[in-house]
Amino acid sequence: MRVIVIGGGAVGLCVAEALSARECEVTVLERERCGTGASAGNAGWITPSLSTPVPGPGVIPISLRWLVNPSGPLWIRPTLSPAMLEWIARFMLSCRRPVYARGLIALQHASAQAIGAFDRLAARGVEFEYHDEPLLYPCFEPSELEHVWHVAEELRQAGSPQRIERLAPDELRALEPGVAPDVLGGVIAYGEARVRPERLTAAVHQALSARGVEVLEGARVTRLGRDGAHWLAAGPGRPTTRGDVVVIASGIASANLLAEHGMRLPIAAAKGYSRTFALDPTGPRRPVYLENPKVSISVYDEGVRVSGTLELGATDLSLSARRLEAITTAARRALPGWRMPARPRDWAGMRSLSPDGLPYIGPVPGLENVHLATAHATLGITLAPVTGELLAGCVLDGARGGLLSAFDPARVLRRSRSG
């Protein structure tokens, strides 16, 4: 079986890897360079404790307050685009507690498989920087501490097997001495891990090349067509690629490929930012998540990355000095003794987000042998190898139940009026 994977980010590459490991003939088509999109500068966390849908109870009132503050951690860019207005309406409906609860259970089940999927990826010969270490949630306000513990209880009720414990201030400072002295305590989440995401994608790319998998960069796909039983992926300035099966893993651009077949895929750009600093002895020792500002602090072998914000409806990758300063200020507030080295590497990347906060993984109804693997929001790294395994089972074995039912694109896909 010949499979075309459109998109060379973490998800697309892991889909290609899982299929090639099962002896499929795979071609990856990436419009730029593999791993340079949303995979290049995110936190790289494999994080069950943060595997929750973006829409949920209370999100709308909070985001409305943040609407007038573009430095806030979640900002919905005002727009009159019909597609975006429809997406926002669906997002608001997904904030209802029953919808959130169903989505939370699905994401918890998926994230419970994440560590094992990374272990299997490594066992197949993919070598990448990997850290197996609990995640700290220091809290500086009573309401913040209450919220973090409330979410931990929600995770338990959703069936999470993860061990999450409260920490007193002195216990938290013993684990991360640099935390601000006014910390009220916090939470520690076990069973977490992290990778350097750009090194993960480079490692998967290298493994694919070593297996003889064709990975074409600068290969933008603008059209999907049929030639009998085969699919044809075409784009400007390059030969057409022929395959039996197509997997679309190209983020928000996925919607364009479906639109030409009369399909409307609700998906929005969700822009995030990060700053990567050189290591310094005064910096953090372990990964830290700051709940109120929604800022992640990730420690790697050769640097520390501070990342955050979710700017919905973004249209470009320009760097916002205001947002970069906001995430930096949050990190300084939590770790006041950290002498941040000058000239960090600043980054902005475009994630893709469905209205209900769940990824689209599985077959496209009405388009035989076309599958989606996109809209992972902030969980692209967490769920990349799991997505590869799920899709390999779907494509090769016809698997449809379990998580694939929760992530089925058919839940939202419909024909456009002109389709």
Protein backbone atom coordinates (compact mmCIF):
# COMPACT_ATOMS: atom_id res chain seq x y z
CA MET A 1 0.00 0.00 0.00
CA ARG A 2 1.30 3.44 -0.95
CA VAL A 3 0.39 6.23 1.48
CA ILE A 4 0.84 9.96 0.96
CA VAL A 5 1.24 11.94 4.19
CA ILE A 6 0.70 15.67 3.67
CA GLY A 7 2.49 17.58 6.42
CA GLY A 8 5.91 17.13 7.98
CA GLY A 9 5.36 18.35 11.52
CA ALA A 10 5.52 16.11 14.58
CA VAL A 11 2.13 14.53 13.88
CA GLY A 12 2.66 13.96 10.16
CA LEU A 13 6.13 12.52 10.67
CA CYS A 14 4.92 10.17 13.43
CA VAL A 15 2.05 9.02 11.23
CA ALA A 16 4.55 8.30 8.45
CA GLU A 17 6.84 6.50 10.90
CA ALA A 18 4.06 4.26 12.24
CA LEU A 19 2.92 3.35 8.73
CA SER A 20 6.44 2.70 7.47
CA ALA A 21 7.13 0.53 10.52
CA ARG A 22 4.28 -1.66 9.27
CA GLU A 23 5.89 -1.87 5.83
CA CYS A 24 3.75 0.67 3.99
CA GLU A 25 5.34 2.58 1.15
CA VAL A 26 5.11 6.16 2.39
CA THR A 27 5.80 9.56 0.85
CA VAL A 28 5.81 12.67 3.06
CA LEU A 29 5.05 16.00 1.41
CA GLU A 30 5.98 19.07 3.48
CA ARG A 31 5.33 22.55 2.10
CA GLU A 32 8.38 24.06 3.86
CA ARG A 33 10.92 22.14 5.94
CA CYS A 34 10.00 19.29 8.24
CA GLY A 35 9.53 20.30 11.86
CA THR A 36 9.75 24.06 11.31
CA GLY A 37 6.09 24.85 12.05
CA ALA A 38 4.31 24.44 15.37
CA SER A 39 6.72 21.64 16.30
CA ALA A 40 9.79 23.86 16.31
CA GLY A 41 9.37 26.00 19.40
CA ASN A 42 6.73 24.57 21.70
CA ALA A 43 7.30 23.22 25.22
CA GLY A 44 7.68 19.63 24.05
CA TRP A 45 5.67 18.25 26.94
CA ILE A 46 4.12 14.79 27.11
CA THR A 47 1.61 15.92 29.64
CA PRO A 48 -1.45 13.95 30.83
CA SER A 49 -2.20 16.58 33.48
CA LEU A 50 -2.70 19.24 30.80
CA SER A 51 -4.58 16.97 28.40
CA THR A 52 -7.87 18.85 28.67
CA PRO A 53 -10.06 20.47 26.00
CA VAL A 54 -9.44 24.17 25.43
CA PRO A 55 -13.18 24.99 25.53
CA GLY A 56 -14.77 24.37 28.90
CA PRO A 57 -16.95 25.83 31.64
CA GLY A 58 -15.87 29.37 32.49
CA VAL A 59 -13.64 29.84 29.42
CA ILE A 60 -15.97 32.30 27.66
CA PRO A 61 -16.25 34.82 30.56
CA ILE A 62 -12.49 34.70 31.08
CA SER A 63 -11.70 35.10 27.38
CA LEU A 64 -14.12 38.04 27.14
CA ARG A 65 -12.14 39.78 29.88
CA TRP A 66 -8.91 38.98 28.05
CA LEU A 67 -10.37 40.26 24.78
CA VAL A 68 -9.37 43.80 25.75
CA ASN A 69 -5.93 42.61 26.83
CA PRO A 70 -3.95 41.17 23.91
CA SER A 71 -1.25 40.18 26.42
CA GLY A 72 -3.61 37.69 28.07
CA PRO A 73 -2.96 33.95 27.81
CA LEU A 74 -6.02 33.36 25.60
CA TRP A 75 -7.08 35.91 23.04
CA ILE A 76 -9.68 35.53 20.32
CA ARG A 77 -8.83 37.88 17.49
CA PRO A 78 -11.99 39.80 16.54
CA THR A 79 -13.14 38.88 13.03
CA LEU A 80 -16.20 38.99 10.81
CA SER A 81 -15.11 36.01 8.73
CA PRO A 82 -18.12 33.67 8.35
CA ALA A 83 -15.90 30.63 8.89
CA MET A 84 -14.44 32.09 12.09
CA LEU A 85 -17.83 33.20 13.38
CA GLU A 86 -19.14 29.69 12.82
CA TRP A 87 -16.08 28.28 14.58
CA ILE A 88 -16.62 30.59 17.59
CA ALA A 89 -20.28 29.57 17.80
CA ARG A 90 -19.26 25.90 17.87
CA PHE A 91 -16.54 26.69 20.43
CA MET A 92 -19.11 28.33 22.72
CA LEU A 93 -21.38 25.29 22.50
CA SER A 94 -18.41 23.08 23.36
CA CYS A 95 -17.89 25.00 26.61
CA ARG A 96 -20.95 23.30 28.07
CA ARG A 97 -20.02 20.93 30.86
CA PRO A 98 -21.36 17.68 29.29
CA VAL A 99 -19.38 18.33 26.08
CA TYR A 100 -16.28 19.23 28.07
CA ALA A 101 -16.62 16.12 30.24
CA ARG A 102 -16.81 13.82 27.20
CA GLY A 103 -13.81 15.51 25.63
CA LEU A 104 -11.83 15.31 28.87
CA ILE A 105 -12.38 11.56 29.11
CA ALA A 106 -11.23 11.06 25.51
CA LEU A 107 -8.08 13.16 25.94
CA GLN A 108 -7.23 11.46 29.22
CA HIS A 109 -7.54 8.05 27.62
CA ALA A 110 -5.30 9.19 24.76
CA SER A 111 -2.68 10.80 26.99
CA ALA A 112 -2.56 7.68 29.18
CA GLN A 113 -1.13 5.93 26.11
CA ALA A 114 1.35 8.69 25.30
CA ILE A 115 4.41 7.55 27.28
CA GLY A 116 4.07 4.01 25.97
CA ALA A 117 3.82 5.30 22.40
CA PHE A 118 7.06 7.27 22.85
CA ASP A 119 8.72 4.18 24.32
CA ARG A 120 7.69 2.17 21.27
CA LEU A 121 8.93 4.93 18.98
CA ALA A 122 12.34 4.77 20.67
CA ALA A 123 12.33 0.96 20.52
CA ARG A 124 11.97 1.22 16.74
CA GLY A 125 15.27 3.06 16.61
CA VAL A 126 14.24 6.73 16.77
CA GLU A 127 16.71 8.55 19.06
CA PHE A 128 15.67 11.85 20.66
CA GLU A 129 16.22 13.93 23.79
CA TYR A 130 13.82 12.64 26.42
CA HIS A 131 13.28 13.59 30.07
CA ASP A 132 11.05 11.58 32.41
CA GLU A 133 10.31 13.95 35.30
CA PRO A 134 7.25 15.15 37.26
CA LEU A 135 5.69 18.52 36.47
CA LEU A 136 5.43 21.21 39.16
CA TYR A 137 2.49 23.60 39.50
CA PRO A 138 3.54 26.38 41.92
CA CYS A 139 0.65 28.58 43.00
CA PHE A 140 0.80 32.14 44.29
CA GLU A 141 -2.86 32.92 44.96
CA PRO A 142 -5.47 30.94 46.90
CA SER A 143 -7.83 30.86 43.90
CA GLU A 144 -5.02 29.51 41.71
CA LEU A 145 -4.23 26.71 44.16
CA GLU A 146 -7.92 25.86 44.46
CA HIS A 147 -8.34 25.73 40.68
CA VAL A 148 -5.30 23.50 40.12
CA TRP A 149 -6.53 21.03 42.71
CA HIS A 150 -10.05 21.16 41.25
CA VAL A 151 -8.65 20.22 37.83
CA ALA A 152 -6.69 17.36 39.42
CA GLU A 153 -9.94 16.06 40.87
CA GLU A 154 -11.63 16.35 37.46
CA LEU A 155 -8.86 14.28 35.95
CA ARG A 156 -9.40 11.56 38.54
CA GLN A 157 -13.14 11.55 37.86
CA ALA A 158 -12.40 11.24 34.14
CA GLY A 159 -10.52 8.02 34.81
CA SER A 160 -6.96 9.32 34.85
CA PRO A 161 -4.54 6.90 36.55
CA GLN A 162 -2.03 9.72 37.02
CA ARG A 163 -0.64 10.34 40.48
CA ILE A 164 -1.12 14.00 41.44
CA GLU A 165 -0.29 15.29 44.92
CA ARG A 166 -0.49 18.54 46.84
CA LEU A 167 2.73 20.22 47.93
CA ALA A 168 3.29 22.52 50.89
CA PRO A 169 5.43 25.61 50.22
CA ASP A 170 8.57 24.09 51.75
CA GLU A 171 8.08 20.84 49.78
CA LEU A 172 7.77 22.77 46.55
CA ARG A 173 10.83 24.90 47.29
CA ALA A 174 12.83 21.74 48.04
CA LEU A 175 12.11 20.54 44.51
CA GLU A 176 12.56 23.95 42.83
CA PRO A 177 14.64 26.24 45.09
CA GLY A 178 14.31 29.19 42.75
CA VAL A 179 10.56 29.57 43.15
CA ALA A 180 9.39 32.90 44.61
CA PRO A 181 9.22 33.04 48.43
CA ASP A 182 5.52 33.97 48.43
CA VAL A 183 4.50 30.63 46.88
CA LEU A 184 1.47 29.21 48.70
CA GLY A 185 2.13 25.63 47.71
CA GLY A 186 1.16 23.72 44.63
CA VAL A 187 0.80 20.38 42.94
CA ILE A 188 3.18 17.78 41.55
CA ALA A 189 2.04 15.62 38.63
CA TYR A 190 3.88 12.33 38.16
CA GLY A 191 3.95 10.33 34.93
CA GLU A 192 4.95 13.36 32.85
CA ALA A 193 7.80 13.65 30.37
CA ARG A 194 9.22 16.05 27.81
CA VAL A 195 11.22 16.08 24.61
CA ARG A 196 13.07 18.79 22.75
CA PRO A 197 10.45 19.01 19.99
CA GLU A 198 12.67 20.18 17.15
CA ARG A 199 15.05 17.33 17.91
CA LEU A 200 12.18 14.86 17.98
CA THR A 201 11.04 15.84 14.49
CA ALA A 202 14.63 15.77 13.22
CA ALA A 203 15.08 12.28 14.69
CA VAL A 204 11.88 10.93 13.13
CA HIS A 205 12.83 12.52 9.81
CA GLN A 206 16.25 10.86 10.00
CA ALA A 207 14.73 7.49 10.86
CA LEU A 208 12.36 7.73 7.89
CA SER A 209 15.21 8.58 5.55
CA ALA A 210 17.23 5.63 6.90
CA ARG A 211 14.31 3.35 6.04
CA GLY A 212 14.18 4.69 2.51
CA VAL A 213 10.97 6.66 3.04
CA GLU A 214 10.62 9.52 0.55
CA VAL A 215 10.38 12.84 2.43
CA LEU A 216 9.96 15.81 0.11
CA GLU A 217 10.42 19.30 1.52
CA GLY A 218 9.25 22.44 -0.26
CA ALA A 219 6.46 20.29 -1.70
CA ARG A 220 3.29 22.31 -1.19
CA VAL A 221 0.11 20.42 -2.01
CA THR A 222 -2.70 22.58 -3.37
CA ARG A 223 -4.90 19.96 -4.97
CA LEU A 224 -6.09 16.42 -4.33
CA GLY A 225 -7.57 14.56 -7.26
CA ARG A 226 -8.52 11.06 -8.34
CA ASP A 227 -7.18 8.86 -11.09
CA GLY A 228 -9.23 5.70 -10.94
CA ALA A 229 -8.48 3.99 -7.64
CA HIS A 230 -5.55 6.29 -6.85
CA TRP A 231 -5.22 9.70 -5.26
CA LEU A 232 -3.06 12.39 -6.82
CA ALA A 233 -1.42 15.10 -4.71
CA ALA A 234 -0.42 18.04 -6.86
CA GLY A 235 1.24 21.39 -6.25
CA PRO A 236 3.09 24.14 -8.07
CA GLY A 237 6.48 23.40 -9.59
CA ARG A 238 6.73 19.69 -8.79
CA PRO A 239 5.61 16.30 -10.13
CA THR A 240 2.27 14.88 -9.00
CA THR A 241 2.48 12.21 -6.29
CA ARG A 242 0.29 9.12 -6.63
CA GLY A 243 -0.94 6.98 -3.72
CA ASP A 244 -3.62 4.57 -2.58
CA VAL A 245 -4.27 6.40 0.69
CA VAL A 246 -3.85 10.03 1.76
CA VAL A 247 -3.33 11.30 5.30
CA ILE A 248 -3.76 15.06 5.68
CA ALA A 249 -1.71 16.33 8.63
CA SER A 250 -1.11 19.91 7.54
CA GLY A 251 -2.70 21.95 10.32
CA ILE A 252 -5.08 24.70 9.32
CA ALA A 253 -4.14 24.18 5.66
CA SER A 254 -5.96 20.85 5.89
CA ALA A 255 -9.25 22.70 5.45
CA ASN A 256 -8.20 24.02 2.03
CA LEU A 257 -7.59 20.54 0.64
CA LEU A 258 -11.02 19.40 1.77
CA ALA A 259 -12.77 22.54 0.58
CA GLU A 260 -12.16 21.68 -3.07
CA HIS A 261 -14.16 18.50 -2.45
CA GLY A 262 -17.05 20.43 -0.92
CA MET A 263 -16.09 19.69 2.69
CA ARG A 264 -16.14 22.34 5.43
CA LEU A 265 -13.71 21.56 8.21
CA PRO A 266 -14.06 23.79 11.30
CA ILE A 267 -10.50 24.58 12.28
CA ALA A 268 -8.81 27.71 13.61
CA ALA A 269 -5.25 28.94 13.88
CA ALA A 270 -4.00 29.13 17.45
CA LYS A 271 -0.76 31.09 17.59
CA GLY A 272 1.68 30.49 20.42
CA TYR A 273 4.99 32.05 21.44
CA SER A 274 8.19 30.96 23.13
CA ARG A 275 11.60 32.22 24.17
CA THR A 276 14.51 29.80 24.49
CA PHE A 277 17.32 30.86 26.81
CA ALA A 278 20.82 29.48 27.26
CA LEU A 279 21.31 27.52 30.48
CA ASP A 280 22.24 29.50 33.58
CA PRO A 281 22.98 28.17 37.10
CA THR A 282 20.28 30.44 38.52
CA GLY A 283 17.60 29.02 36.23
CA PRO A 284 14.97 26.38 36.94
CA ARG A 285 15.96 22.79 37.58
CA ARG A 286 12.79 21.08 36.40
CA PRO A 287 9.63 21.73 34.33
CA VAL A 288 7.17 24.21 35.80
CA TYR A 289 3.65 25.20 34.74
CA LEU A 290 2.21 28.53 35.83
CA GLU A 291 -1.57 28.16 35.89
CA ASN A 292 -2.84 31.74 35.96
CA PRO A 293 -0.71 33.10 33.09
CA LYS A 294 -0.77 29.69 31.28
CA VAL A 295 3.03 29.68 30.89
CA SER A 296 5.22 26.59 30.52
CA ILE A 297 8.87 26.51 31.58
CA SER A 298 10.74 23.58 30.06
CA VAL A 299 14.32 22.60 30.90
CA TYR A 300 16.36 20.83 28.21
CA ASP A 301 19.94 19.57 27.98
CA GLU A 302 21.06 22.83 26.36
CA GLY A 303 18.50 25.47 27.20
CA VAL A 304 15.33 26.59 28.95
CA ARG A 305 12.18 27.42 27.01
CA VAL A 306 9.40 29.68 28.26
CA SER A 307 6.24 29.34 26.21
CA GLY A 308 2.62 30.37 26.33
CA THR A 309 -0.42 32.21 24.95
CA LEU A 310 -3.10 30.98 22.60
CA GLU A 311 -4.05 33.60 20.03
CA LEU A 312 -7.07 32.28 18.15
CA GLY A 313 -7.69 33.46 14.62
CA ALA A 314 -4.11 34.60 14.04
CA THR A 315 -3.19 35.20 10.42
CA ASP A 316 0.62 35.40 10.39
CA LEU A 317 3.73 34.46 12.35
CA SER A 318 4.89 37.94 13.27
CA LEU A 319 6.41 38.23 16.75
CA SER A 320 4.50 40.28 19.30
CA ALA A 321 6.90 42.03 21.68
CA ARG A 322 4.00 42.48 24.11
CA ARG A 323 3.22 38.77 24.25
CA LEU A 324 6.87 37.73 24.49
CA GLU A 325 7.33 40.14 27.37
CA ALA A 326 4.17 38.82 29.06
CA ILE A 327 5.44 35.23 29.19
CA THR A 328 8.89 36.45 30.28
CA THR A 329 7.38 38.52 33.09
CA ALA A 330 5.38 35.52 34.30
CA ALA A 331 8.53 33.39 34.45
CA ARG A 332 10.44 36.13 36.31
CA ARG A 333 7.58 36.48 38.78
CA ALA A 334 7.67 32.76 39.58
CA LEU A 335 11.49 32.46 39.56
CA PRO A 336 12.79 35.87 40.66
CA GLY A 337 16.40 34.75 41.08
CA TRP A 338 16.72 33.50 37.51
CA ARG A 339 19.24 35.65 35.66
CA MET A 340 17.83 35.15 32.19
CA PRO A 341 20.62 35.25 29.58
CA ALA A 342 20.36 37.97 26.97
CA ARG A 343 19.36 37.36 23.36
CA PRO A 344 16.92 34.45 23.70
CA ARG A 345 15.67 32.74 20.56
CA ASP A 346 12.15 34.05 20.04
CA TRP A 347 9.55 32.02 18.17
CA ALA A 348 5.92 32.05 17.11
CA GLY A 349 4.11 29.04 15.75
CA MET A 350 0.65 28.22 14.46
CA ARG A 351 -1.21 25.36 16.08
CA SER A 352 -4.56 24.17 14.76
CA LEU A 353 -7.63 23.85 16.97
CA SER A 354 -11.05 22.29 16.53
CA PRO A 355 -14.09 23.95 18.16
CA ASP A 356 -14.49 21.13 20.70
CA GLY A 357 -10.75 20.94 21.47
CA LEU A 358 -10.36 17.36 20.23
CA PRO A 359 -8.12 16.42 17.31
CA TYR A 360 -9.43 15.16 14.00
CA ILE A 361 -8.05 11.64 13.54
CA GLY A 362 -9.57 9.20 11.09
CA PRO A 363 -11.30 8.81 7.73
CA VAL A 364 -12.98 11.67 5.89
CA PRO A 365 -16.58 10.68 5.14
CA GLY A 366 -17.33 10.67 1.43
CA LEU A 367 -13.66 10.63 0.40
CA GLU A 368 -12.55 7.02 0.27
CA ASN A 369 -9.05 6.37 1.62
CA VAL A 370 -8.53 9.98 2.77
CA HIS A 371 -7.78 10.48 6.47
CA LEU A 372 -7.17 13.44 8.77
CA ALA A 373 -4.58 13.85 11.53
CA THR A 374 -4.78 17.47 12.63
CA ALA A 375 -6.20 20.01 15.14
CA HIS A 376 -4.16 18.76 18.11
CA ALA A 377 -4.04 22.27 19.64
CA THR A 378 -1.43 22.31 22.44
CA LEU A 379 -1.16 18.50 22.52
CA GLY A 380 0.63 17.90 19.24
CA ILE A 381 3.75 16.52 20.90
CA THR A 382 1.85 14.58 23.58
CA LEU A 383 -0.33 12.81 21.02
CA ALA A 384 1.94 12.61 17.95
CA PRO A 385 3.11 8.97 18.33
CA VAL A 386 -0.35 7.91 19.60
CA THR A 387 -1.91 9.50 16.52
CA GLY A 388 0.51 7.58 14.31
CA GLU A 389 -0.44 4.31 15.95
CA LEU A 390 -4.18 5.04 15.78
CA LEU A 391 -4.05 5.94 12.11
CA ALA A 392 -1.87 2.97 11.22
CA GLY A 393 -4.49 0.71 12.79
CA CYS A 394 -7.27 2.57 11.00
CA VAL A 395 -5.61 2.49 7.57
CA LEU A 396 -4.24 -1.05 7.69
CA ASP A 397 -6.66 -2.91 9.96
CA GLY A 398 -9.86 -0.94 9.53
CA ALA A 399 -9.96 -0.05 13.24
CA ARG A 400 -12.73 2.42 14.04
CA GLY A 401 -13.71 2.15 17.72
CA GLY A 402 -12.33 3.52 20.96
CA LEU A 403 -10.45 6.79 20.66
CA LEU A 404 -11.03 6.91 16.92
CA SER A 405 -14.74 7.26 17.64
CA ALA A 406 -14.11 10.30 19.87
CA PHE A 407 -11.73 11.90 17.37
CA ASP A 408 -13.70 10.96 14.23
CA PRO A 409 -13.76 13.91 11.76
CA ALA A 410 -17.30 12.89 10.80
CA ARG A 411 -18.52 14.56 14.01
CA VAL A 412 -18.15 17.97 12.34
CA LEU A 413 -17.50 17.51 8.62
CA ARG A 414 -20.30 18.46 6.28
CA ARG A 415 -20.74 19.49 2.71
CA SER A 416 -20.57 23.19 1.89
CA ARG A 417 -23.55 24.69 0.10
CA SER A 418 -21.56 24.85 -3.12
CA GLY A 419 -20.22 21.30 -2.67
